[in-house]
Protein backbone atom coordinates (compact mmCIF):
# COMPACT_ATOMS: atom_id res chain seq x y z
CA MET A 1 20.00 -85.83 37.12
CA ILE A 2 19.90 -82.47 38.90
CA ILE A 3 19.62 -79.23 37.63
CA LYS A 4 21.07 -76.62 39.59
CA ILE A 5 20.19 -72.76 39.10
CA THR A 6 21.78 -69.99 40.89
CA GLY A 7 21.45 -66.39 40.68
CA GLU A 8 19.61 -63.20 42.44
CA VAL A 9 16.07 -63.77 43.99
CA ASP A 10 13.27 -61.82 41.73
CA PRO A 11 11.65 -59.64 44.72
CA ASP A 12 8.40 -59.92 43.15
CA THR A 13 8.33 -63.79 42.99
CA GLY A 14 10.78 -64.87 45.74
CA TYR A 15 12.61 -66.95 43.20
CA VAL A 16 15.47 -67.44 41.25
CA MET A 17 13.62 -69.36 38.83
CA ASP A 18 10.14 -70.71 39.22
CA ILE A 19 10.19 -74.11 39.43
CA LYS A 20 7.22 -75.18 37.79
CA THR A 21 8.62 -73.28 34.79
CA LEU A 22 11.96 -74.77 35.23
CA LYS A 23 10.59 -78.39 35.42
CA GLU A 24 8.11 -77.95 32.20
CA LEU A 25 11.51 -76.81 30.45
CA VAL A 26 13.48 -79.93 31.77
CA GLU A 27 10.55 -81.99 30.49
CA GLN A 28 10.33 -80.99 27.00
CA ALA A 29 13.93 -80.36 26.25
CA VAL A 30 15.36 -83.13 28.09
CA THR A 31 13.09 -85.75 29.48
CA GLU A 32 10.83 -86.27 25.87
CA ARG A 33 14.31 -86.07 24.32
CA PHE A 34 15.86 -88.69 25.99
CA ASP A 35 13.90 -90.90 27.49
CA HIS A 36 13.32 -94.40 25.98
CA ARG A 37 15.90 -93.45 23.48
CA ASN A 38 19.27 -95.53 22.25
CA LEU A 39 21.47 -92.03 22.49
CA ASN A 40 23.93 -93.30 19.72
CA LEU A 41 20.99 -94.00 17.29
CA ASP A 42 18.05 -91.81 17.80
CA LEU A 43 19.69 -88.22 18.74
CA PRO A 44 21.37 -86.28 16.22
CA GLU A 45 23.65 -84.91 19.07
CA PHE A 46 25.36 -88.29 19.60
CA ALA A 47 25.86 -89.16 15.85
CA SER A 48 29.71 -88.05 16.06
CA LEU A 49 29.53 -87.74 19.90
CA ASN A 50 30.14 -90.72 22.51
CA PRO A 51 27.55 -90.28 25.06
CA THR A 52 29.68 -90.51 27.87
CA ALA A 53 28.16 -88.96 31.41
CA GLU A 54 30.25 -85.72 30.26
CA ASN A 55 28.87 -85.47 26.87
CA ILE A 56 25.36 -85.93 27.82
CA SER A 57 25.25 -83.59 30.75
CA MET A 58 27.05 -80.89 27.90
CA ILE A 59 24.34 -81.52 25.72
CA ILE A 60 21.57 -81.19 28.11
CA TYR A 61 23.23 -77.75 29.18
CA THR A 62 23.24 -76.70 25.77
CA LEU A 63 19.37 -77.72 25.42
CA LEU A 64 18.50 -75.83 28.45
CA LYS A 65 20.91 -73.01 28.50
CA PRO A 66 18.96 -70.63 26.11
CA GLN A 67 15.76 -70.26 28.02
CA ILE A 68 17.76 -69.80 31.69
CA GLN A 69 19.17 -66.45 32.37
CA ASN A 70 21.00 -67.43 35.61
CA LYS A 71 23.78 -69.56 36.38
CA LEU A 72 23.14 -73.09 35.18
CA THR A 73 24.76 -76.23 36.16
CA VAL A 74 23.75 -79.82 34.97
CA ILE A 75 24.60 -82.77 37.60
CA LEU A 76 24.30 -86.36 35.90
CA TYR A 77 24.88 -89.33 38.04
CA GLU A 78 26.56 -92.65 36.25
CA THR A 79 26.32 -94.18 39.92
CA GLU A 80 25.56 -93.32 43.00
CA ARG A 81 29.19 -92.47 43.86
CA ASN A 82 29.82 -91.30 40.26
CA PHE A 83 29.01 -87.99 38.86
CA VAL A 84 29.48 -85.27 36.35
CA GLU A 85 29.11 -81.73 36.95
CA TYR A 86 28.72 -78.94 33.82
CA SER A 87 28.29 -75.64 34.12
CA GLY A 88 29.27 -74.15 30.58
CA GLU A 89 33.11 -74.19 31.42
């Protein structure tokens, strides 16, 4: 998975978004929630939604976007050659 943040660089910090903050956010909102889980059985988001790569990337976006002010894109790989990209559109 790749989390892409684009936007204006903050002149005070030199960052679009602090990488440490982003890492902690992804760990809490995504890794702890999805890691070692049966998506069909353990996550309410997939109770009636097929956990395809497209839907998983959409759910990850939905979980992260409220805490990210800049443009967010979630890129999720199924294989090294097949991936989906979701940016809320």
